[in-house]
PDB file of N, CA and C in Angstrom:
ATOM      1  N   UNK A   1      -3.693 -24.913  42.801  1.00  0.00           N
ATOM      2  CA  UNK A   1      -4.765 -25.399  41.967  1.00  0.00           C
ATOM      3  C   UNK A   1      -4.520 -26.829  41.480  1.00  0.00           C
ATOM      4  N   UNK A   2      -3.295 -27.186  41.117  1.00  0.00           N
ATOM      5  CA  UNK A   2      -3.104 -28.555  40.635  1.00  0.00           C
ATOM      6  C   UNK A   2      -3.444 -29.615  41.678  1.00  0.00           C
ATOM      7  N   UNK A   3      -3.378 -29.282  42.950  1.00  0.00           N
ATOM      8  CA  UNK A   3      -3.632 -30.265  44.001  1.00  0.00           C
ATOM      9  C   UNK A   3      -5.025 -30.154  44.602  1.00  0.00           C
ATOM     10  N   UNK A   4      -5.848 -29.275  44.062  1.00  0.00           N
ATOM     11  CA  UNK A   4      -7.176 -29.067  44.623  1.00  0.00           C
ATOM     12  C   UNK A   4      -8.034 -30.326  44.526  1.00  0.00           C
ATOM     13  N   UNK A   5      -7.947 -31.038  43.428  1.00  0.00           N
ATOM     14  CA  UNK A   5      -8.720 -32.273  43.271  1.00  0.00           C
ATOM     15  C   UNK A   5      -8.329 -33.304  44.330  1.00  0.00           C
ATOM     16  N   UNK A   6      -7.024 -33.453  44.566  1.00  0.00           N
ATOM     17  CA  UNK A   6      -6.551 -34.391  45.596  1.00  0.00           C
ATOM     18  C   UNK A   6      -7.021 -33.966  46.977  1.00  0.00           C
ATOM     19  N   UNK A   7      -7.003 -32.659  47.239  1.00  0.00           N
ATOM     20  CA  UNK A   7      -7.483 -32.146  48.524  1.00  0.00           C
ATOM     21  C   UNK A   7      -8.958 -32.478  48.703  1.00  0.00           C
ATOM     22  N   UNK A   8      -9.740 -32.257  47.657  1.00  0.00           N
ATOM     23  CA  UNK A   8     -11.183 -32.539  47.738  1.00  0.00           C
ATOM     24  C   UNK A   8     -11.453 -34.016  47.994  1.00  0.00           C
ATOM     25  N   UNK A   9     -10.656 -34.899  47.401  1.00  0.00           N
ATOM     26  CA  UNK A   9     -10.838 -36.341  47.640  1.00  0.00           C
ATOM     27  C   UNK A   9     -10.425 -36.724  49.057  1.00  0.00           C
ATOM     28  N   UNK A  10      -9.360 -36.107  49.560  1.00  0.00           N
ATOM     29  CA  UNK A  10      -8.878 -36.434  50.903  1.00  0.00           C
ATOM     30  C   UNK A  10      -9.770 -35.840  51.988  1.00  0.00           C
ATOM     31  N   UNK A  11     -10.384 -34.695  51.709  1.00  0.00           N
ATOM     32  CA  UNK A  11     -11.213 -33.999  52.701  1.00  0.00           C
ATOM     33  C   UNK A  11     -12.560 -33.621  52.082  1.00  0.00           C
ATOM     34  N   UNK A  12     -13.419 -34.595  51.808  1.00  0.00           N
ATOM     35  CA  UNK A  12     -14.683 -34.294  51.127  1.00  0.00           C
ATOM     36  C   UNK A  12     -15.638 -33.413  51.934  1.00  0.00           C
ATOM     37  N   UNK A  13     -15.456 -33.335  53.216  1.00  0.00           N
ATOM     38  CA  UNK A  13     -16.344 -32.517  54.045  1.00  0.00           C
ATOM     39  C   UNK A  13     -15.968 -31.045  54.098  1.00  0.00           C
ATOM     40  N   UNK A  14     -14.851 -30.695  53.506  1.00  0.00           N
ATOM     41  CA  UNK A  14     -14.415 -29.296  53.519  1.00  0.00           C
ATOM     42  C   UNK A  14     -14.712 -28.686  52.153  1.00  0.00           C
ATOM     43  N   UNK A  15     -15.576 -27.697  52.150  1.00  0.00           N
ATOM     44  CA  UNK A  15     -15.908 -27.014  50.900  1.00  0.00           C
ATOM     45  C   UNK A  15     -14.859 -25.966  50.564  1.00  0.00           C
ATOM     46  N   UNK A  16     -14.439 -25.962  49.321  1.00  0.00           N
ATOM     47  CA  UNK A  16     -13.463 -24.979  48.853  1.00  0.00           C
ATOM     48  C   UNK A  16     -14.134 -24.148  47.771  1.00  0.00           C
ATOM     49  N   UNK A  17     -14.164 -22.849  47.997  1.00  0.00           N
ATOM     50  CA  UNK A  17     -14.741 -21.923  47.018  1.00  0.00           C
ATOM     51  C   UNK A  17     -13.643 -20.953  46.613  1.00  0.00           C
ATOM     52  N   UNK A  18     -13.460 -20.774  45.329  1.00  0.00           N
ATOM     53  CA  UNK A  18     -12.411 -19.898  44.821  1.00  0.00           C
ATOM     54  C   UNK A  18     -13.050 -18.643  44.260  1.00  0.00           C
ATOM     55  N   UNK A  19     -12.518 -17.498  44.676  1.00  0.00           N
ATOM     56  CA  UNK A  19     -13.035 -16.226  44.204  1.00  0.00           C
ATOM     57  C   UNK A  19     -11.856 -15.389  43.715  1.00  0.00           C
ATOM     58  N   UNK A  20     -11.884 -14.969  42.476  1.00  0.00           N
ATOM     59  CA  UNK A  20     -10.817 -14.131  41.927  1.00  0.00           C
ATOM     60  C   UNK A  20     -11.160 -12.665  42.162  1.00  0.00           C
ATOM     61  N   UNK A  21     -10.234 -11.937  42.753  1.00  0.00           N
ATOM     62  CA  UNK A  21     -10.421 -10.519  43.042  1.00  0.00           C
ATOM     63  C   UNK A  21      -9.158  -9.796  42.623  1.00  0.00           C
ATOM     64  N   UNK A  22      -9.301  -8.693  41.946  1.00  0.00           N
ATOM     65  CA  UNK A  22      -8.144  -7.933  41.501  1.00  0.00           C
ATOM     66  C   UNK A  22      -8.138  -6.555  42.150  1.00  0.00           C
ATOM     67  N   UNK A  23      -7.232  -6.353  43.091  1.00  0.00           N
ATOM     68  CA  UNK A  23      -6.966  -5.060  43.718  1.00  0.00           C
ATOM     69  C   UNK A  23      -8.072  -4.515  44.608  1.00  0.00           C
ATOM     70  N   UNK A  24      -9.113  -5.218  44.836  1.00  0.00           N
ATOM     71  CA  UNK A  24     -10.212  -4.627  45.607  1.00  0.00           C
ATOM     72  C   UNK A  24     -10.699  -5.618  46.654  1.00  0.00           C
ATOM     73  N   UNK A  25      -9.998  -5.662  47.787  1.00  0.00           N
ATOM     74  CA  UNK A  25     -10.357  -6.625  48.825  1.00  0.00           C
ATOM     75  C   UNK A  25     -11.725  -6.362  49.419  1.00  0.00           C
ATOM     76  N   UNK A  26     -12.322  -5.217  49.124  1.00  0.00           N
ATOM     77  CA  UNK A  26     -13.673  -4.922  49.617  1.00  0.00           C
ATOM     78  C   UNK A  26     -14.698  -5.885  49.004  1.00  0.00           C
ATOM     79  N   UNK A  27     -14.370  -6.500  47.883  1.00  0.00           N
ATOM     80  CA  UNK A  27     -15.311  -7.402  47.216  1.00  0.00           C
ATOM     81  C   UNK A  27     -15.307  -8.802  47.797  1.00  0.00           C
ATOM     82  N   UNK A  28     -14.447  -9.079  48.755  1.00  0.00           N
ATOM     83  CA  UNK A  28     -14.417 -10.412  49.346  1.00  0.00           C
ATOM     84  C   UNK A  28     -15.678 -10.655  50.170  1.00  0.00           C
ATOM     85  N   UNK A  29     -16.248 -11.816  49.971  1.00  0.00           N
ATOM     86  CA  UNK A  29     -17.408 -12.203  50.776  1.00  0.00           C
ATOM     87  C   UNK A  29     -16.936 -12.562  52.182  1.00  0.00           C
ATOM     88  N   UNK A  30     -17.831 -12.476  53.144  1.00  0.00           N
ATOM     89  CA  UNK A  30     -17.484 -12.767  54.536  1.00  0.00           C
ATOM     90  C   UNK A  30     -17.072 -14.212  54.769  1.00  0.00           C
ATOM     91  N   UNK A  31     -17.523 -15.132  53.911  1.00  0.00           N
ATOM     92  CA  UNK A  31     -17.239 -16.541  54.137  1.00  0.00           C
ATOM     93  C   UNK A  31     -16.006 -17.044  53.379  1.00  0.00           C
ATOM     94  N   UNK A  32     -15.167 -16.147  52.873  1.00  0.00           N
ATOM     95  CA  UNK A  32     -13.947 -16.543  52.165  1.00  0.00           C
ATOM     96  C   UNK A  32     -12.842 -16.788  53.186  1.00  0.00           C
ATOM     97  N   UNK A  33     -12.252 -17.982  53.126  1.00  0.00           N
ATOM     98  CA  UNK A  33     -11.162 -18.333  54.038  1.00  0.00           C
ATOM     99  C   UNK A  33      -9.797 -17.974  53.472  1.00  0.00           C
ATOM    100  N   UNK A  34      -9.640 -18.091  52.162  1.00  0.00           N
ATOM    101  CA  UNK A  34      -8.357 -17.832  51.512  1.00  0.00           C
ATOM    102  C   UNK A  34      -8.621 -17.040  50.244  1.00  0.00           C
ATOM    103  N   UNK A  35      -7.829 -16.007  50.016  1.00  0.00           N
ATOM    104  CA  UNK A  35      -7.913 -15.229  48.783  1.00  0.00           C
ATOM    105  C   UNK A  35      -6.501 -15.003  48.261  1.00  0.00           C
ATOM    106  N   UNK A  36      -6.372 -14.933  46.962  1.00  0.00           N
ATOM    107  CA  UNK A  36      -5.072 -14.661  46.358  1.00  0.00           C
ATOM    108  C   UNK A  36      -5.149 -13.298  45.691  1.00  0.00           C
ATOM    109  N   UNK A  37      -4.301 -12.394  46.148  1.00  0.00           N
ATOM    110  CA  UNK A  37      -4.249 -11.034  45.620  1.00  0.00           C
ATOM    111  C   UNK A  37      -2.959 -10.814  44.863  1.00  0.00           C
ATOM    112  N   UNK A  38      -3.021  -9.969  43.874  1.00  0.00           N
ATOM    113  CA  UNK A  38      -1.838  -9.523  43.166  1.00  0.00           C
ATOM    114  C   UNK A  38      -1.417  -8.198  43.789  1.00  0.00           C
ATOM    115  N   UNK A  39      -0.182  -8.095  44.228  1.00  0.00           N
ATOM    116  CA  UNK A  39       0.267  -6.836  44.807  1.00  0.00           C
ATOM    117  C   UNK A  39       1.435  -7.039  45.744  1.00  0.00           C
ATOM    118  N   UNK A  40       1.717  -6.020  46.527  1.00  0.00           N
ATOM    119  CA  UNK A  40       2.874  -6.021  47.415  1.00  0.00           C
ATOM    120  C   UNK A  40       2.602  -6.636  48.786  1.00  0.00           C
ATOM    121  N   UNK A  41       1.353  -6.933  49.093  1.00  0.00           N
ATOM    122  CA  UNK A  41       1.047  -7.617  50.337  1.00  0.00           C
ATOM    123  C   UNK A  41       0.821  -6.719  51.534  1.00  0.00           C
ATOM    124  N   UNK A  42       0.547  -5.459  51.304  1.00  0.00           N
ATOM    125  CA  UNK A  42       0.319  -4.553  52.431  1.00  0.00           C
ATOM    126  C   UNK A  42      -1.189  -4.305  52.601  1.00  0.00           C
ATOM    127  N   UNK A  43      -1.897  -5.352  53.044  1.00  0.00           N
ATOM    128  CA  UNK A  43      -3.329  -5.260  53.271  1.00  0.00           C
ATOM    129  C   UNK A  43      -3.606  -5.405  54.763  1.00  0.00           C
ATOM    130  N   UNK A  44      -3.877  -4.292  55.445  1.00  0.00           N
ATOM    131  CA  UNK A  44      -4.138  -4.338  56.888  1.00  0.00           C
ATOM    132  C   UNK A  44      -5.322  -5.253  57.209  1.00  0.00           C
ATOM    133  N   UNK A  45      -5.170  -5.994  58.277  1.00  0.00           N
ATOM    134  CA  UNK A  45      -6.234  -6.875  58.731  1.00  0.00           C
ATOM    135  C   UNK A  45      -6.222  -8.254  58.084  1.00  0.00           C
ATOM    136  N   UNK A  46      -5.296  -8.486  57.150  1.00  0.00           N
ATOM    137  CA  UNK A  46      -5.206  -9.787  56.501  1.00  0.00           C
ATOM    138  C   UNK A  46      -3.846 -10.410  56.779  1.00  0.00           C
ATOM    139  N   UNK A  47      -3.819 -11.709  56.952  1.00  0.00           N
ATOM    140  CA  UNK A  47      -2.552 -12.433  57.080  1.00  0.00           C
ATOM    141  C   UNK A  47      -2.043 -12.701  55.671  1.00  0.00           C
ATOM    142  N   UNK A  48      -0.809 -12.326  55.384  1.00  0.00           N
ATOM    143  CA  UNK A  48      -0.275 -12.370  54.024  1.00  0.00           C
ATOM    144  C   UNK A  48       0.889 -13.344  53.934  1.00  0.00           C
ATOM    145  N   UNK A  49       0.877 -14.199  52.917  1.00  0.00           N
ATOM    146  CA  UNK A  49       1.966 -15.123  52.606  1.00  0.00           C
ATOM    147  C   UNK A  49       2.337 -14.903  51.142  1.00  0.00           C
ATOM    148  N   UNK A  50       3.603 -14.616  50.875  1.00  0.00           N
ATOM    149  CA  UNK A  50       4.043 -14.428  49.499  1.00  0.00           C
ATOM    150  C   UNK A  50       4.068 -15.768  48.777  1.00  0.00           C
ATOM    151  N   UNK A  51       3.410 -15.839  47.618  1.00  0.00           N
ATOM    152  CA  UNK A  51       3.362 -17.078  46.848  1.00  0.00           C
ATOM    153  C   UNK A  51       4.507 -17.158  45.839  1.00  0.00           C
ATOM    154  N   UNK A  52       4.797 -16.067  45.182  1.00  0.00           N
ATOM    155  CA  UNK A  52       5.871 -16.055  44.193  1.00  0.00           C
ATOM    156  C   UNK A  52       6.233 -14.613  43.856  1.00  0.00           C
ATOM    157  N   UNK A  53       7.394 -14.445  43.271  1.00  0.00           N
ATOM    158  CA  UNK A  53       7.833 -13.131  42.803  1.00  0.00           C
ATOM    159  C   UNK A  53       7.540 -13.029  41.312  1.00  0.00           C
ATOM    160  N   UNK A  54       7.245 -11.832  40.877  1.00  0.00           N
ATOM    161  CA  UNK A  54       6.985 -11.610  39.461  1.00  0.00           C
ATOM    162  C   UNK A  54       8.171 -10.893  38.842  1.00  0.00           C
ATOM    163  N   UNK A  55       8.562 -11.340  37.677  1.00  0.00           N
ATOM    164  CA  UNK A  55       9.652 -10.715  36.954  1.00  0.00           C
ATOM    165  C   UNK A  55       9.140 -10.294  35.588  1.00  0.00           C
ATOM    166  N   UNK A  56       9.239  -9.020  35.306  1.00  0.00           N
ATOM    167  CA  UNK A  56       8.806  -8.492  34.025  1.00  0.00           C
ATOM    168  C   UNK A  56      10.017  -8.091  33.207  1.00  0.00           C
ATOM    169  N   UNK A  57       9.964  -8.346  31.911  1.00  0.00           N
ATOM    170  CA  UNK A  57      11.054  -7.931  31.060  1.00  0.00           C
ATOM    171  C   UNK A  57      10.502  -7.560  29.691  1.00  0.00           C
ATOM    172  N   UNK A  58      11.133  -6.592  29.048  1.00  0.00           N
ATOM    173  CA  UNK A  58      10.652  -6.187  27.728  1.00  0.00           C
ATOM    174  C   UNK A  58      11.040  -7.210  26.664  1.00  0.00           C
ATOM    175  N   UNK A  59      10.179  -7.384  25.705  1.00  0.00           N
ATOM    176  CA  UNK A  59      10.446  -8.272  24.578  1.00  0.00           C
ATOM    177  C   UNK A  59      10.029  -7.555  23.296  1.00  0.00           C
ATOM    178  N   UNK A  60      10.602  -7.978  22.185  1.00  0.00           N
ATOM    179  CA  UNK A  60      10.220  -7.401  20.902  1.00  0.00           C
ATOM    180  C   UNK A  60      10.447  -8.424  19.801  1.00  0.00           C
ATOM    181  N   UNK A  61       9.903  -8.131  18.658  1.00  0.00           N
ATOM    182  CA  UNK A  61      10.110  -8.963  17.477  1.00  0.00           C
ATOM    183  C   UNK A  61      11.574  -8.904  17.075  1.00  0.00           C
ATOM    184  N   UNK A  62      12.159 -10.015  16.644  1.00  0.00           N
ATOM    185  CA  UNK A  62      13.539  -9.984  16.148  1.00  0.00           C
ATOM    186  C   UNK A  62      13.719  -8.987  15.004  1.00  0.00           C
ATOM    187  N   UNK A  63      12.643  -8.727  14.259  1.00  0.00           N
ATOM    188  CA  UNK A  63      12.734  -7.771  13.150  1.00  0.00           C
ATOM    189  C   UNK A  63      13.052  -6.357  13.635  1.00  0.00           C
ATOM    190  N   UNK A  64      12.667  -6.033  14.880  1.00  0.00           N
ATOM    191  CA  UNK A  64      12.966  -4.694  15.409  1.00  0.00           C
ATOM    192  C   UNK A  64      14.430  -4.552  15.817  1.00  0.00           C
ATOM    193  N   UNK A  65      15.138  -5.642  15.903  1.00  0.00           N
ATOM    194  CA  UNK A  65      16.551  -5.594  16.266  1.00  0.00           C
ATOM    195  C   UNK A  65      17.450  -5.538  15.034  1.00  0.00           C
ATOM    196  N   UNK A  66      16.847  -5.611  13.864  1.00  0.00           N
ATOM    197  CA  UNK A  66      17.622  -5.603  12.615  1.00  0.00           C
ATOM    198  C   UNK A  66      16.968  -4.617  11.644  1.00  0.00           C
ATOM    199  N   UNK A  67      17.449  -4.585  10.444  1.00  0.00           N
ATOM    200  CA  UNK A  67      16.830  -3.747   9.421  1.00  0.00           C
ATOM    201  C   UNK A  67      17.434  -2.358   9.355  1.00  0.00           C
ATOM    202  N   UNK A  68      16.730  -1.464   8.667  1.00  0.00           N
ATOM    203  CA  UNK A  68      17.239  -0.113   8.412  1.00  0.00           C
ATOM    204  C   UNK A  68      17.229   0.787   9.645  1.00  0.00           C
ATOM    205  N   UNK A  69      16.325   0.537  10.573  1.00  0.00           N
ATOM    206  CA  UNK A  69      16.135   1.428  11.718  1.00  0.00           C
ATOM    207  C   UNK A  69      16.034   0.595  13.009  1.00  0.00           C
ATOM    208  N   UNK A  70      17.087  -0.140  13.391  1.00  0.00           N
ATOM    209  CA  UNK A  70      16.963  -1.095  14.506  1.00  0.00           C
ATOM    210  C   UNK A  70      16.929  -0.417  15.875  1.00  0.00           C
ATOM    211  N   UNK A  71      16.387  -1.159  16.847  1.00  0.00           N
ATOM    212  CA  UNK A  71      16.455  -0.737  18.252  1.00  0.00           C
ATOM    213  C   UNK A  71      17.871  -0.977  18.751  1.00  0.00           C
ATOM    214  N   UNK A  72      18.479   0.075  19.289  1.00  0.00           N
ATOM    215  CA  UNK A  72      19.815  -0.080  19.867  1.00  0.00           C
ATOM    216  C   UNK A  72      19.893   0.499  21.275  1.00  0.00           C
ATOM    217  N   UNK A  73      19.127   1.542  21.517  1.00  0.00           N
ATOM    218  CA  UNK A  73      19.120   2.242  22.803  1.00  0.00           C
ATOM    219  C   UNK A  73      17.683   2.332  23.307  1.00  0.00           C
ATOM    220  N   UNK A  74      17.469   2.435  24.620  1.00  0.00           N
ATOM    221  CA  UNK A  74      16.099   2.587  25.128  1.00  0.00           C
ATOM    222  C   UNK A  74      15.354   3.764  24.492  1.00  0.00           C
ATOM    223  N   UNK A  75      16.058   4.813  24.159  1.00  0.00           N
ATOM    224  CA  UNK A  75      15.423   5.983  23.547  1.00  0.00           C
ATOM    225  C   UNK A  75      14.804   5.651  22.192  1.00  0.00           C
ATOM    226  N   UNK A  76      15.319   4.621  21.539  1.00  0.00           N
ATOM    227  CA  UNK A  76      14.793   4.219  20.233  1.00  0.00           C
ATOM    228  C   UNK A  76      13.345   3.742  20.309  1.00  0.00           C
ATOM    229  N   UNK A  77      12.902   3.348  21.493  1.00  0.00           N
ATOM    230  CA  UNK A  77      11.525   2.887  21.659  1.00  0.00           C
ATOM    231  C   UNK A  77      10.508   3.978  21.341  1.00  0.00           C
ATOM    232  N   UNK A  78      10.906   5.238  21.420  1.00  0.00           N
ATOM    233  CA  UNK A  78       9.994   6.347  21.145  1.00  0.00           C
ATOM    234  C   UNK A  78       9.486   6.319  19.702  1.00  0.00           C
ATOM    235  N   UNK A  79      10.159   5.627  18.835  1.00  0.00           N
ATOM    236  CA  UNK A  79       9.754   5.547  17.430  1.00  0.00           C
ATOM    237  C   UNK A  79       8.682   4.494  17.182  1.00  0.00           C
ATOM    238  N   UNK A  80       8.328   3.717  18.192  1.00  0.00           N
ATOM    239  CA  UNK A  80       7.421   2.588  18.006  1.00  0.00           C
ATOM    240  C   UNK A  80       6.202   2.697  18.912  1.00  0.00           C
ATOM    241  N   UNK A  81       5.153   1.993  18.524  1.00  0.00           N
ATOM    242  CA  UNK A  81       3.970   1.876  19.365  1.00  0.00           C
ATOM    243  C   UNK A  81       4.224   0.766  20.371  1.00  0.00           C
ATOM    244  N   UNK A  82       4.080   1.076  21.647  1.00  0.00           N
ATOM    245  CA  UNK A  82       4.306   0.091  22.702  1.00  0.00           C
ATOM    246  C   UNK A  82       2.973  -0.478  23.188  1.00  0.00           C
ATOM    247  N   UNK A  83       2.974  -1.741  23.544  1.00  0.00           N
ATOM    248  CA  UNK A  83       1.795  -2.380  24.116  1.00  0.00           C
ATOM    249  C   UNK A  83       1.851  -2.239  25.630  1.00  0.00           C
ATOM    250  N   UNK A  84       0.710  -1.963  26.251  1.00  0.00           N
ATOM    251  CA  UNK A  84       0.634  -1.779  27.695  1.00  0.00           C
ATOM    252  C   UNK A  84      -0.454  -2.678  28.260  1.00  0.00           C
ATOM    253  N   UNK A  85      -0.208  -3.208  29.423  1.00  0.00           N
ATOM    254  CA  UNK A  85      -1.212  -3.968  30.147  1.00  0.00           C
ATOM    255  C   UNK A  85      -1.884  -3.004  31.113  1.00  0.00           C
ATOM    256  N   UNK A  86      -3.053  -2.509  30.744  1.00  0.00           N
ATOM    257  CA  UNK A  86      -3.739  -1.492  31.542  1.00  0.00           C
ATOM    258  C   UNK A  86      -4.154  -1.998  32.919  1.00  0.00           C
ATOM    259  N   UNK A  87      -4.271  -3.315  33.093  1.00  0.00           N
ATOM    260  CA  UNK A  87      -4.688  -3.841  34.377  1.00  0.00           C
ATOM    261  C   UNK A  87      -3.539  -3.887  35.361  1.00  0.00           C
ATOM    262  N   UNK A  88      -2.333  -3.722  34.891  1.00  0.00           N
ATOM    263  CA  UNK A  88      -1.142  -3.753  35.755  1.00  0.00           C
ATOM    264  C   UNK A  88      -0.413  -2.421  35.663  1.00  0.00           C
ATOM    265  N   UNK A  89       0.859  -2.474  35.418  1.00  0.00           N
ATOM    266  CA  UNK A  89       1.626  -1.229  35.341  1.00  0.00           C
ATOM    267  C   UNK A  89       2.365  -1.164  34.002  1.00  0.00           C
ATOM    268  N   UNK A  90       2.596   0.053  33.563  1.00  0.00           N
ATOM    269  CA  UNK A  90       3.274   0.264  32.292  1.00  0.00           C
ATOM    270  C   UNK A  90       4.771   0.287  32.497  1.00  0.00           C
ATOM    271  N   UNK A  91       5.490   0.161  31.425  1.00  0.00           N
ATOM    272  CA  UNK A  91       6.957   0.248  31.464  1.00  0.00           C
ATOM    273  C   UNK A  91       7.350   1.667  31.782  1.00  0.00           C
TER     274      UNK A  91
END
């Protein structure tokens, strides 16, 4: 994306259309040349190039690491409300 403007200036005759699709390649229009998907890359019929790896890690407020009832073991998480990203995967 940062170089899209330069590409457009260098190649003004090539139209670039960006379409965001999440997990449902059926929504791609027939005239899409390039699409970026989130996932493991096992989409039959498509040529796949890995763009980057994703690294997820748990984080918490420093206050949860101190005080009367601190987090010390993974089991301690059961005492707290956890936030989940429903569009991706849970811990």
